[in-house]
Amino acid sequence: MAKKSRKRESNHNNKKSKEKCKPNANKNESKKLSDFTYAELIVLSSTLAYSIGEELDEEDLEVFAVFLGLLIAELQLIVIQKQLNRRNQSNVSEEDLDIEDIDVDF
């Protein structure tokens, strides 16, 4: 019975938080993750971890933790590839500039 009442409270709280989080029609910009402060990110991660921990059993938590590890590894690979592509493009554009600056007399 305790779980049912906890879920009812959770659903009631979710409805309240959804009402608070409705996007403002006047704002065209959305907040990016990089706009959050360090403290806000800590609170967000702690809240998510607690909520997920309450909903999943131990076995599912283990599987989810491994999944998140894989997701993090893939995201790190994507970031590195983007950095390398950006670096390679800047090297190519610098070489193009050097070639254009050379005067050739015929």
PDB file of N, CA and C in Angstrom:
ATOM      1  N   MET A   1       0.813  -1.201   0.000  1.00  0.00           N
ATOM      2  CA  MET A   1       0.000   0.000   0.000  1.00  0.00           C
ATOM      3  C   MET A   1       0.856   1.264   0.000  1.00  0.00           C
ATOM      4  N   ALA A   2       2.026   1.201   0.636  1.00  0.00           N
ATOM      5  CA  ALA A   2       2.877   2.385   0.708  1.00  0.00           C
ATOM      6  C   ALA A   2       3.327   2.810  -0.680  1.00  0.00           C
ATOM      7  N   LYS A   3       3.604   1.842  -1.548  1.00  0.00           N
ATOM      8  CA  LYS A   3       4.053   2.179  -2.888  1.00  0.00           C
ATOM      9  C   LYS A   3       2.961   2.873  -3.677  1.00  0.00           C
ATOM     10  N   LYS A   4       1.715   2.417  -3.527  1.00  0.00           N
ATOM     11  CA  LYS A   4       0.619   3.029  -4.275  1.00  0.00           C
ATOM     12  C   LYS A   4       0.436   4.486  -3.869  1.00  0.00           C
ATOM     13  N   SER A   5       0.484   4.762  -2.587  1.00  0.00           N
ATOM     14  CA  SER A   5       0.309   6.156  -2.149  1.00  0.00           C
ATOM     15  C   SER A   5       1.489   7.001  -2.594  1.00  0.00           C
ATOM     16  N   ARG A   6       2.689   6.421  -2.604  1.00  0.00           N
ATOM     17  CA  ARG A   6       3.863   7.145  -3.057  1.00  0.00           C
ATOM     18  C   ARG A   6       3.731   7.473  -4.543  1.00  0.00           C
ATOM     19  N   LYS A   7       3.210   6.516  -5.326  1.00  0.00           N
ATOM     20  CA  LYS A   7       3.025   6.764  -6.749  1.00  0.00           C
ATOM     21  C   LYS A   7       1.959   7.814  -6.991  1.00  0.00           C
ATOM     22  N   ARG A   8       0.904   7.794  -6.196  1.00  0.00           N
ATOM     23  CA  ARG A   8      -0.143   8.810  -6.344  1.00  0.00           C
ATOM     24  C   ARG A   8       0.418  10.191  -6.062  1.00  0.00           C
ATOM     25  N   GLU A   9       1.232  10.304  -4.992  1.00  0.00           N
ATOM     26  CA  GLU A   9       1.859  11.580  -4.674  1.00  0.00           C
ATOM     27  C   GLU A   9       2.784  11.997  -5.805  1.00  0.00           C
ATOM     28  N   SER A  10       3.518  11.022  -6.336  1.00  0.00           N
ATOM     29  CA  SER A  10       4.452  11.302  -7.418  1.00  0.00           C
ATOM     30  C   SER A  10       3.711  11.812  -8.648  1.00  0.00           C
ATOM     31  N   ASN A  11       2.593  11.176  -8.994  1.00  0.00           N
ATOM     32  CA  ASN A  11       1.810  11.628 -10.142  1.00  0.00           C
ATOM     33  C   ASN A  11       1.259  13.023  -9.913  1.00  0.00           C
ATOM     34  N   HIS A  12       0.812  13.298  -8.689  1.00  0.00           N
ATOM     35  CA  HIS A  12       0.292  14.626  -8.361  1.00  0.00           C
ATOM     36  C   HIS A  12       1.403  15.667  -8.479  1.00  0.00           C
ATOM     37  N   ASN A  13       2.593  15.320  -7.965  1.00  0.00           N
ATOM     38  CA  ASN A  13       3.727  16.247  -8.054  1.00  0.00           C
ATOM     39  C   ASN A  13       4.162  16.443  -9.495  1.00  0.00           C
ATOM     40  N   ASN A  14       4.101  15.369 -10.316  1.00  0.00           N
ATOM     41  CA  ASN A  14       4.471  15.488 -11.722  1.00  0.00           C
ATOM     42  C   ASN A  14       3.556  16.460 -12.449  1.00  0.00           C
ATOM     43  N   LYS A  15       2.251  16.414 -12.143  1.00  0.00           N
ATOM     44  CA  LYS A  15       1.309  17.328 -12.784  1.00  0.00           C
ATOM     45  C   LYS A  15       1.637  18.770 -12.424  1.00  0.00           C
ATOM     46  N   LYS A  16       1.976  18.998 -11.145  1.00  0.00           N
ATOM     47  CA  LYS A  16       2.324  20.348 -10.713  1.00  0.00           C
ATOM     48  C   LYS A  16       3.594  20.836 -11.405  1.00  0.00           C
ATOM     49  N   SER A  17       4.621  19.958 -11.483  1.00  0.00           N
ATOM     50  CA  SER A  17       5.878  20.378 -12.090  1.00  0.00           C
ATOM     51  C   SER A  17       5.723  20.588 -13.582  1.00  0.00           C
ATOM     52  N   LYS A  18       4.860  19.820 -14.245  1.00  0.00           N
ATOM     53  CA  LYS A  18       4.623  20.016 -15.672  1.00  0.00           C
ATOM     54  C   LYS A  18       3.982  21.375 -15.922  1.00  0.00           C
ATOM     55  N   GLU A  19       3.083  21.771 -15.007  1.00  0.00           N
ATOM     56  CA  GLU A  19       2.454  23.077 -15.158  1.00  0.00           C
ATOM     57  C   GLU A  19       3.481  24.192 -15.010  1.00  0.00           C
ATOM     58  N   LYS A  20       4.427  24.013 -14.104  1.00  0.00           N
ATOM     59  CA  LYS A  20       5.458  25.023 -13.887  1.00  0.00           C
ATOM     60  C   LYS A  20       6.439  25.074 -15.051  1.00  0.00           C
ATOM     61  N   CYS A  21       6.660  23.940 -15.724  1.00  0.00           N
ATOM     62  CA  CYS A  21       7.679  23.846 -16.761  1.00  0.00           C
ATOM     63  C   CYS A  21       7.158  24.098 -18.164  1.00  0.00           C
ATOM     64  N   LYS A  22       5.919  24.525 -18.294  1.00  0.00           N
ATOM     65  CA  LYS A  22       5.393  24.808 -19.626  1.00  0.00           C
ATOM     66  C   LYS A  22       6.194  25.946 -20.246  1.00  0.00           C
ATOM     67  N   PRO A  23       6.574  25.766 -21.513  1.00  0.00           N
ATOM     68  CA  PRO A  23       7.375  26.818 -22.141  1.00  0.00           C
ATOM     69  C   PRO A  23       6.583  28.106 -22.295  1.00  0.00           C
ATOM     70  N   ASN A  24       7.277  29.197 -22.144  1.00  0.00           N
ATOM     71  CA  ASN A  24       6.669  30.510 -22.294  1.00  0.00           C
ATOM     72  C   ASN A  24       6.496  30.788 -23.785  1.00  0.00           C
ATOM     73  N   ALA A  25       5.299  31.143 -24.189  1.00  0.00           N
ATOM     74  CA  ALA A  25       5.009  31.363 -25.607  1.00  0.00           C
ATOM     75  C   ALA A  25       5.785  32.561 -26.158  1.00  0.00           C
ATOM     76  N   ASN A  26       6.180  33.482 -25.292  1.00  0.00           N
ATOM     77  CA  ASN A  26       6.891  34.674 -25.739  1.00  0.00           C
ATOM     78  C   ASN A  26       8.363  34.419 -26.005  1.00  0.00           C
ATOM     79  N   LYS A  27       8.913  33.361 -25.451  1.00  0.00           N
ATOM     80  CA  LYS A  27      10.335  33.075 -25.610  1.00  0.00           C
ATOM     81  C   LYS A  27      10.546  32.140 -26.794  1.00  0.00           C
ATOM     82  N   ASN A  28      11.415  32.538 -27.702  1.00  0.00           N
ATOM     83  CA  ASN A  28      11.750  31.691 -28.838  1.00  0.00           C
ATOM     84  C   ASN A  28      12.994  30.870 -28.565  1.00  0.00           C
ATOM     85  N   GLU A  29      13.784  31.275 -27.576  1.00  0.00           N
ATOM     86  CA  GLU A  29      15.024  30.583 -27.264  1.00  0.00           C
ATOM     87  C   GLU A  29      14.775  29.529 -26.200  1.00  0.00           C
ATOM     88  N   SER A  30      15.431  28.382 -26.368  1.00  0.00           N
ATOM     89  CA  SER A  30      15.359  27.353 -25.346  1.00  0.00           C
ATOM     90  C   SER A  30      16.676  27.346 -24.582  1.00  0.00           C
ATOM     91  N   LYS A  31      16.633  26.945 -23.345  1.00  0.00           N
ATOM     92  CA  LYS A  31      17.827  26.937 -22.506  1.00  0.00           C
ATOM     93  C   LYS A  31      18.678  25.733 -22.867  1.00  0.00           C
ATOM     94  N   LYS A  32      19.934  25.963 -23.096  1.00  0.00           N
ATOM     95  CA  LYS A  32      20.860  24.885 -23.436  1.00  0.00           C
ATOM     96  C   LYS A  32      21.447  24.310 -22.156  1.00  0.00           C
ATOM     97  N   LEU A  33      21.925  23.092 -22.241  1.00  0.00           N
ATOM     98  CA  LEU A  33      22.513  22.438 -21.083  1.00  0.00           C
ATOM     99  C   LEU A  33      23.735  23.203 -20.583  1.00  0.00           C
ATOM    100  N   SER A  34      24.459  23.828 -21.482  1.00  0.00           N
ATOM    101  CA  SER A  34      25.639  24.593 -21.082  1.00  0.00           C
ATOM    102  C   SER A  34      25.288  25.877 -20.345  1.00  0.00           C
ATOM    103  N   ASP A  35      24.016  26.268 -20.373  1.00  0.00           N
ATOM    104  CA  ASP A  35      23.581  27.467 -19.651  1.00  0.00           C
ATOM    105  C   ASP A  35      23.390  27.218 -18.156  1.00  0.00           C
ATOM    106  N   PHE A  36      23.305  25.956 -17.750  1.00  0.00           N
ATOM    107  CA  PHE A  36      23.100  25.630 -16.338  1.00  0.00           C
ATOM    108  C   PHE A  36      24.380  25.857 -15.549  1.00  0.00           C
ATOM    109  N   THR A  37      24.240  26.254 -14.299  1.00  0.00           N
ATOM    110  CA  THR A  37      25.396  26.396 -13.416  1.00  0.00           C
ATOM    111  C   THR A  37      25.821  25.022 -12.925  1.00  0.00           C
ATOM    112  N   TYR A  38      27.000  24.982 -12.330  1.00  0.00           N
ATOM    113  CA  TYR A  38      27.501  23.723 -11.775  1.00  0.00           C
ATOM    114  C   TYR A  38      26.525  23.179 -10.731  1.00  0.00           C
ATOM    115  N   ALA A  39      26.054  24.035  -9.866  1.00  0.00           N
ATOM    116  CA  ALA A  39      25.130  23.603  -8.805  1.00  0.00           C
ATOM    117  C   ALA A  39      23.834  23.061  -9.396  1.00  0.00           C
ATOM    118  N   GLU A  40      23.314  23.714 -10.438  1.00  0.00           N
ATOM    119  CA  GLU A  40      22.087  23.239 -11.077  1.00  0.00           C
ATOM    120  C   GLU A  40      22.283  21.869 -11.713  1.00  0.00           C
ATOM    121  N   LEU A  41      23.462  21.656 -12.313  1.00  0.00           N
ATOM    122  CA  LEU A  41      23.743  20.347 -12.916  1.00  0.00           C
ATOM    123  C   LEU A  41      23.845  19.254 -11.854  1.00  0.00           C
ATOM    124  N   ILE A  42      24.432  19.572 -10.707  1.00  0.00           N
ATOM    125  CA  ILE A  42      24.525  18.612  -9.613  1.00  0.00           C
ATOM    126  C   ILE A  42      23.136  18.257  -9.105  1.00  0.00           C
ATOM    127  N   VAL A  43      22.293  19.252  -8.920  1.00  0.00           N
ATOM    128  CA  VAL A  43      20.922  19.011  -8.452  1.00  0.00           C
ATOM    129  C   VAL A  43      20.156  18.176  -9.474  1.00  0.00           C
ATOM    130  N   LEU A  44      20.306  18.503 -10.746  1.00  0.00           N
ATOM    131  CA  LEU A  44      19.624  17.766 -11.803  1.00  0.00           C
ATOM    132  C   LEU A  44      20.067  16.311 -11.833  1.00  0.00           C
ATOM    133  N   SER A  45      21.370  16.074 -11.787  1.00  0.00           N
ATOM    134  CA  SER A  45      21.863  14.698 -11.834  1.00  0.00           C
ATOM    135  C   SER A  45      21.456  13.916 -10.587  1.00  0.00           C
ATOM    136  N   SER A  46      21.492  14.553  -9.440  1.00  0.00           N
ATOM    137  CA  SER A  46      21.083  13.879  -8.202  1.00  0.00           C
ATOM    138  C   SER A  46      19.598  13.539  -8.226  1.00  0.00           C
ATOM    139  N   THR A  47      18.794  14.466  -8.701  1.00  0.00           N
ATOM    140  CA  THR A  47      17.352  14.235  -8.778  1.00  0.00           C
ATOM    141  C   THR A  47      17.026  13.098  -9.739  1.00  0.00           C
ATOM    142  N   LEU A  48      17.684  13.111 -10.905  1.00  0.00           N
ATOM    143  CA  LEU A  48      17.458  12.040 -11.870  1.00  0.00           C
ATOM    144  C   LEU A  48      17.905  10.688 -11.322  1.00  0.00           C
ATOM    145  N   ALA A  49      19.074  10.662 -10.689  1.00  0.00           N
ATOM    146  CA  ALA A  49      19.590   9.411 -10.128  1.00  0.00           C
ATOM    147  C   ALA A  49      18.650   8.871  -9.063  1.00  0.00           C
ATOM    148  N   TYR A  50      18.172   9.729  -8.197  1.00  0.00           N
ATOM    149  CA  TYR A  50      17.260   9.304  -7.145  1.00  0.00           C
ATOM    150  C   TYR A  50      15.954   8.780  -7.738  1.00  0.00           C
ATOM    151  N   SER A  51      15.414   9.503  -8.700  1.00  0.00           N
ATOM    152  CA  SER A  51      14.147   9.097  -9.314  1.00  0.00           C
ATOM    153  C   SER A  51      14.278   7.759 -10.026  1.00  0.00           C
ATOM    154  N   ILE A  52      15.360   7.590 -10.770  1.00  0.00           N
ATOM    155  CA  ILE A  52      15.581   6.324 -11.471  1.00  0.00           C
ATOM    156  C   ILE A  52      15.805   5.201 -10.467  1.00  0.00           C
ATOM    157  N   GLY A  53      16.573   5.485  -9.421  1.00  0.00           N
ATOM    158  CA  GLY A  53      16.833   4.484  -8.390  1.00  0.00           C
ATOM    159  C   GLY A  53      15.585   4.019  -7.670  1.00  0.00           C
ATOM    160  N   GLU A  54      14.625   4.907  -7.525  1.00  0.00           N
ATOM    161  CA  GLU A  54      13.364   4.549  -6.871  1.00  0.00           C
ATOM    162  C   GLU A  54      12.493   3.664  -7.753  1.00  0.00           C
ATOM    163  N   GLU A  55      12.589   3.822  -9.061  1.00  0.00           N
ATOM    164  CA  GLU A  55      11.701   3.123  -9.978  1.00  0.00           C
ATOM    165  C   GLU A  55      12.228   1.755 -10.426  1.00  0.00           C
ATOM    166  N   LEU A  56      13.549   1.577 -10.488  1.00  0.00           N
ATOM    167  CA  LEU A  56      14.128   0.339 -11.019  1.00  0.00           C
ATOM    168  C   LEU A  56      14.594  -0.567  -9.894  1.00  0.00           C
ATOM    169  N   ASP A  57      14.523  -1.875 -10.157  1.00  0.00           N
ATOM    170  CA  ASP A  57      15.077  -2.815  -9.179  1.00  0.00           C
ATOM    171  C   ASP A  57      16.595  -2.908  -9.383  1.00  0.00           C
ATOM    172  N   GLU A  58      17.269  -3.657  -8.527  1.00  0.00           N
ATOM    173  CA  GLU A  58      18.730  -3.697  -8.533  1.00  0.00           C
ATOM    174  C   GLU A  58      19.288  -4.211  -9.857  1.00  0.00           C
ATOM    175  N   GLU A  59      18.677  -5.244 -10.419  1.00  0.00           N
ATOM    176  CA  GLU A  59      19.157  -5.809 -11.678  1.00  0.00           C
ATOM    177  C   GLU A  59      19.018  -4.799 -12.826  1.00  0.00           C
ATOM    178  N   ASP A  60      17.862  -4.141 -12.887  1.00  0.00           N
ATOM    179  CA  ASP A  60      17.654  -3.144 -13.932  1.00  0.00           C
ATOM    180  C   ASP A  60      18.584  -1.947 -13.752  1.00  0.00           C
ATOM    181  N   LEU A  61      18.881  -1.595 -12.517  1.00  0.00           N
ATOM    182  CA  LEU A  61      19.818  -0.500 -12.264  1.00  0.00           C
ATOM    183  C   LEU A  61      21.208  -0.842 -12.799  1.00  0.00           C
ATOM    184  N   GLU A  62      21.631  -2.095 -12.596  1.00  0.00           N
ATOM    185  CA  GLU A  62      22.942  -2.523 -13.101  1.00  0.00           C
ATOM    186  C   GLU A  62      22.982  -2.433 -14.628  1.00  0.00           C
ATOM    187  N   VAL A  63      21.930  -2.908 -15.279  1.00  0.00           N
ATOM    188  CA  VAL A  63      21.872  -2.861 -16.737  1.00  0.00           C
ATOM    189  C   VAL A  63      21.859  -1.413 -17.210  1.00  0.00           C
ATOM    190  N   PHE A  64      21.097  -0.579 -16.543  1.00  0.00           N
ATOM    191  CA  PHE A  64      21.003   0.826 -16.920  1.00  0.00           C
ATOM    192  C   PHE A  64      22.347   1.530 -16.744  1.00  0.00           C
ATOM    193  N   ALA A  65      23.071   1.206 -15.672  1.00  0.00           N
ATOM    194  CA  ALA A  65      24.380   1.816 -15.438  1.00  0.00           C
ATOM    195  C   ALA A  65      25.357   1.434 -16.550  1.00  0.00           C
ATOM    196  N   VAL A  66      25.324   0.183 -16.993  1.00  0.00           N
ATOM    197  CA  VAL A  66      26.188  -0.249 -18.094  1.00  0.00           C
ATOM    198  C   VAL A  66      25.783   0.484 -19.377  1.00  0.00           C
ATOM    199  N   PHE A  67      24.478   0.590 -19.601  1.00  0.00           N
ATOM    200  CA  PHE A  67      23.990   1.314 -20.778  1.00  0.00           C
ATOM    201  C   PHE A  67      24.481   2.757 -20.771  1.00  0.00           C
ATOM    202  N   LEU A  68      24.393   3.423 -19.628  1.00  0.00           N
ATOM    203  CA  LEU A  68      24.859   4.810 -19.543  1.00  0.00           C
ATOM    204  C   LEU A  68      26.361   4.911 -19.802  1.00  0.00           C
ATOM    205  N   GLY A  69      27.119   3.914 -19.323  1.00  0.00           N
ATOM    206  CA  GLY A  69      28.559   3.883 -19.599  1.00  0.00           C
ATOM    207  C   GLY A  69      28.839   3.802 -21.089  1.00  0.00           C
ATOM    208  N   LEU A  70      28.077   2.961 -21.784  1.00  0.00           N
ATOM    209  CA  LEU A  70      28.224   2.852 -23.237  1.00  0.00           C
ATOM    210  C   LEU A  70      27.834   4.147 -23.934  1.00  0.00           C
ATOM    211  N   LEU A  71      26.762   4.751 -23.465  1.00  0.00           N
ATOM    212  CA  LEU A  71      26.306   6.014 -24.042  1.00  0.00           C
ATOM    213  C   LEU A  71      27.366   7.098 -23.876  1.00  0.00           C
ATOM    214  N   ILE A  72      27.967   7.163 -22.704  1.00  0.00           N
ATOM    215  CA  ILE A  72      29.017   8.154 -22.436  1.00  0.00           C
ATOM    216  C   ILE A  72      30.212   7.924 -23.356  1.00  0.00           C
ATOM    217  N   ALA A  73      30.605   6.661 -23.533  1.00  0.00           N
ATOM    218  CA  ALA A  73      31.735   6.359 -24.404  1.00  0.00           C
ATOM    219  C   ALA A  73      31.447   6.795 -25.839  1.00  0.00           C
ATOM    220  N   GLU A  74      30.243   6.557 -26.319  1.00  0.00           N
ATOM    221  CA  GLU A  74      29.876   6.956 -27.677  1.00  0.00           C
ATOM    222  C   GLU A  74      29.854   8.479 -27.816  1.00  0.00           C
ATOM    223  N   LEU A  75      29.343   9.161 -26.812  1.00  0.00           N
ATOM    224  CA  LEU A  75      29.317  10.623 -26.853  1.00  0.00           C
ATOM    225  C   LEU A  75      30.727  11.199 -26.845  1.00  0.00           C
ATOM    226  N   GLN A  76      31.629  10.585 -26.075  1.00  0.00           N
ATOM    227  CA  GLN A  76      33.017  11.045 -26.059  1.00  0.00           C
ATOM    228  C   GLN A  76      33.661  10.853 -27.426  1.00  0.00           C
ATOM    229  N   LEU A  77      33.356   9.742 -28.080  1.00  0.00           N
ATOM    230  CA  LEU A  77      33.881   9.486 -29.416  1.00  0.00           C
ATOM    231  C   LEU A  77      33.373  10.534 -30.405  1.00  0.00           C
ATOM    232  N   ILE A  78      32.098  10.879 -30.322  1.00  0.00           N
ATOM    233  CA  ILE A  78      31.530  11.891 -31.211  1.00  0.00           C
ATOM    234  C   ILE A  78      32.198  13.246 -30.983  1.00  0.00           C
ATOM    235  N   VAL A  79      32.419  13.618 -29.723  1.00  0.00           N
ATOM    236  CA  VAL A  79      33.074  14.902 -29.415  1.00  0.00           C
ATOM    237  C   VAL A  79      34.487  14.923 -29.993  1.00  0.00           C
ATOM    238  N   ILE A  80      35.224  13.834 -29.833  1.00  0.00           N
ATOM    239  CA  ILE A  80      36.597  13.768 -30.352  1.00  0.00           C
ATOM    240  C   ILE A  80      36.598  13.867 -31.874  1.00  0.00           C
ATOM    241  N   GLN A  81      35.664  13.166 -32.527  1.00  0.00           N
ATOM    242  CA  GLN A  81      35.592  13.237 -33.986  1.00  0.00           C
ATOM    243  C   GLN A  81      35.277  14.650 -34.461  1.00  0.00           C
ATOM    244  N   LYS A  82      34.378  15.338 -33.779  1.00  0.00           N
ATOM    245  CA  LYS A  82      34.053  16.717 -34.152  1.00  0.00           C
ATOM    246  C   LYS A  82      35.270  17.624 -33.980  1.00  0.00           C
ATOM    247  N   GLN A  83      36.016  17.441 -32.898  1.00  0.00           N
ATOM    248  CA  GLN A  83      37.202  18.252 -32.663  1.00  0.00           C
ATOM    249  C   GLN A  83      38.253  18.001 -33.740  1.00  0.00           C
ATOM    250  N   LEU A  84      38.444  16.729 -34.098  1.00  0.00           N
ATOM    251  CA  LEU A  84      39.427  16.393 -35.130  1.00  0.00           C
ATOM    252  C   LEU A  84      39.006  16.957 -36.486  1.00  0.00           C
ATOM    253  N   ASN A  85      37.724  16.855 -36.804  1.00  0.00           N
ATOM    254  CA  ASN A  85      37.242  17.409 -38.075  1.00  0.00           C
ATOM    255  C   ASN A  85      37.432  18.915 -38.117  1.00  0.00           C
ATOM    256  N   ARG A  86      37.127  19.585 -37.016  1.00  0.00           N
ATOM    257  CA  ARG A  86      37.296  21.039 -36.950  1.00  0.00           C
ATOM    258  C   ARG A  86      38.775  21.403 -37.107  1.00  0.00           C
ATOM    259  N   ARG A  87      39.650  20.651 -36.452  1.00  0.00           N
ATOM    260  CA  ARG A  87      41.087  20.919 -36.526  1.00  0.00           C
ATOM    261  C   ARG A  87      41.592  20.681 -37.951  1.00  0.00           C
ATOM    262  N   ASN A  88      41.143  19.587 -38.585  1.00  0.00           N
ATOM    263  CA  ASN A  88      41.562  19.287 -39.956  1.00  0.00           C
ATOM    264  C   ASN A  88      41.064  20.346 -40.933  1.00  0.00           C
ATOM    265  N   GLN A  89      39.839  20.827 -40.741  1.00  0.00           N
ATOM    266  CA  GLN A  89      39.300  21.863 -41.618  1.00  0.00           C
ATOM    267  C   GLN A  89      40.068  23.169 -41.458  1.00  0.00           C
ATOM    268  N   SER A  90      40.457  23.492 -40.223  1.00  0.00           N
ATOM    269  CA  SER A  90      41.207  24.733 -40.017  1.00  0.00           C
ATOM    270  C   SER A  90      42.603  24.611 -40.621  1.00  0.00           C
ATOM    271  N   ASN A  91      43.218  23.423 -40.573  1.00  0.00           N
ATOM    272  CA  ASN A  91      44.529  23.221 -41.193  1.00  0.00           C
ATOM    273  C   ASN A  91      44.426  23.343 -42.703  1.00  0.00           C
ATOM    274  N   VAL A  92      43.387  22.802 -43.295  1.00  0.00           N
ATOM    275  CA  VAL A  92      43.203  22.878 -44.737  1.00  0.00           C
ATOM    276  C   VAL A  92      42.975  24.322 -45.160  1.00  0.00           C
ATOM    277  N   SER A  93      42.166  25.063 -44.431  1.00  0.00           N
ATOM    278  CA  SER A  93      41.900  26.455 -44.800  1.00  0.00           C
ATOM    279  C   SER A  93      43.159  27.304 -44.645  1.00  0.00           C
ATOM    280  N   GLU A  94      44.011  27.014 -43.658  1.00  0.00           N
ATOM    281  CA  GLU A  94      45.267  27.743 -43.498  1.00  0.00           C
ATOM    282  C   GLU A  94      46.196  27.464 -44.675  1.00  0.00           C
ATOM    283  N   GLU A  95      46.238  26.196 -45.131  1.00  0.00           N
ATOM    284  CA  GLU A  95      47.074  25.854 -46.281  1.00  0.00           C
ATOM    285  C   GLU A  95      46.562  26.561 -47.523  1.00  0.00           C
ATOM    286  N   ASP A  96      45.238  26.634 -47.694  1.00  0.00           N
ATOM    287  CA  ASP A  96      44.659  27.331 -48.831  1.00  0.00           C
ATOM    288  C   ASP A  96      45.053  28.803 -48.817  1.00  0.00           C
ATOM    289  N   LEU A  97      45.056  29.408 -47.649  1.00  0.00           N
ATOM    290  CA  LEU A  97      45.443  30.805 -47.543  1.00  0.00           C
ATOM    291  C   LEU A  97      46.901  31.004 -47.918  1.00  0.00           C
ATOM    292  N   ASP A  98      47.770  30.101 -47.494  1.00  0.00           N
ATOM    293  CA  ASP A  98      49.191  30.209 -47.818  1.00  0.00           C
ATOM    294  C   ASP A  98      49.417  30.104 -49.319  1.00  0.00           C
ATOM    295  N   ILE A  99      48.695  29.215 -49.970  1.00  0.00           N
ATOM    296  CA  ILE A  99      48.842  29.040 -51.414  1.00  0.00           C
ATOM    297  C   ILE A  99      48.350  30.277 -52.146  1.00  0.00           C
ATOM    298  N   GLU A 100      47.275  30.886 -51.703  1.00  0.00           N
ATOM    299  CA  GLU A 100      46.725  32.067 -52.354  1.00  0.00           C
ATOM    300  C   GLU A 100      47.653  33.271 -52.204  1.00  0.00           C
ATOM    301  N   ASP A 101      48.453  33.323 -51.160  1.00  0.00           N
ATOM    302  CA  ASP A 101      49.327  34.468 -50.907  1.00  0.00           C
ATOM    303  C   ASP A 101      50.603  34.435 -51.759  1.00  0.00           C
ATOM    304  N   ILE A 102      50.888  33.315 -52.397  1.00  0.00           N
ATOM    305  CA  ILE A 102      52.131  33.205 -53.190  1.00  0.00           C
ATOM    306  C   ILE A 102      51.902  33.871 -54.543  1.00  0.00           C
ATOM    307  N   ASP A 103      52.811  34.778 -54.894  1.00  0.00           N
ATOM    308  CA  ASP A 103      52.751  35.445 -56.192  1.00  0.00           C
ATOM    309  C   ASP A 103      53.571  34.652 -57.193  1.00  0.00           C
ATOM    310  N   VAL A 104      52.980  34.374 -58.318  1.00  0.00           N
ATOM    311  CA  VAL A 104      53.684  33.641 -59.364  1.00  0.00           C
ATOM    312  C   VAL A 104      53.759  34.545 -60.599  1.00  0.00           C
ATOM    313  N   ASP A 105      54.972  34.789 -61.109  1.00  0.00           N
ATOM    314  CA  ASP A 105      55.171  35.598 -62.312  1.00  0.00           C
ATOM    315  C   ASP A 105      55.371  34.695 -63.516  1.00  0.00           C
ATOM    316  N   PHE A 106      54.628  34.938 -64.559  1.00  0.00           N
ATOM    317  CA  PHE A 106      54.773  34.155 -65.789  1.00  0.00           C
ATOM    318  C   PHE A 106      55.433  34.958 -66.856  1.00  0.00           C
TER     319      PHE A 106
END
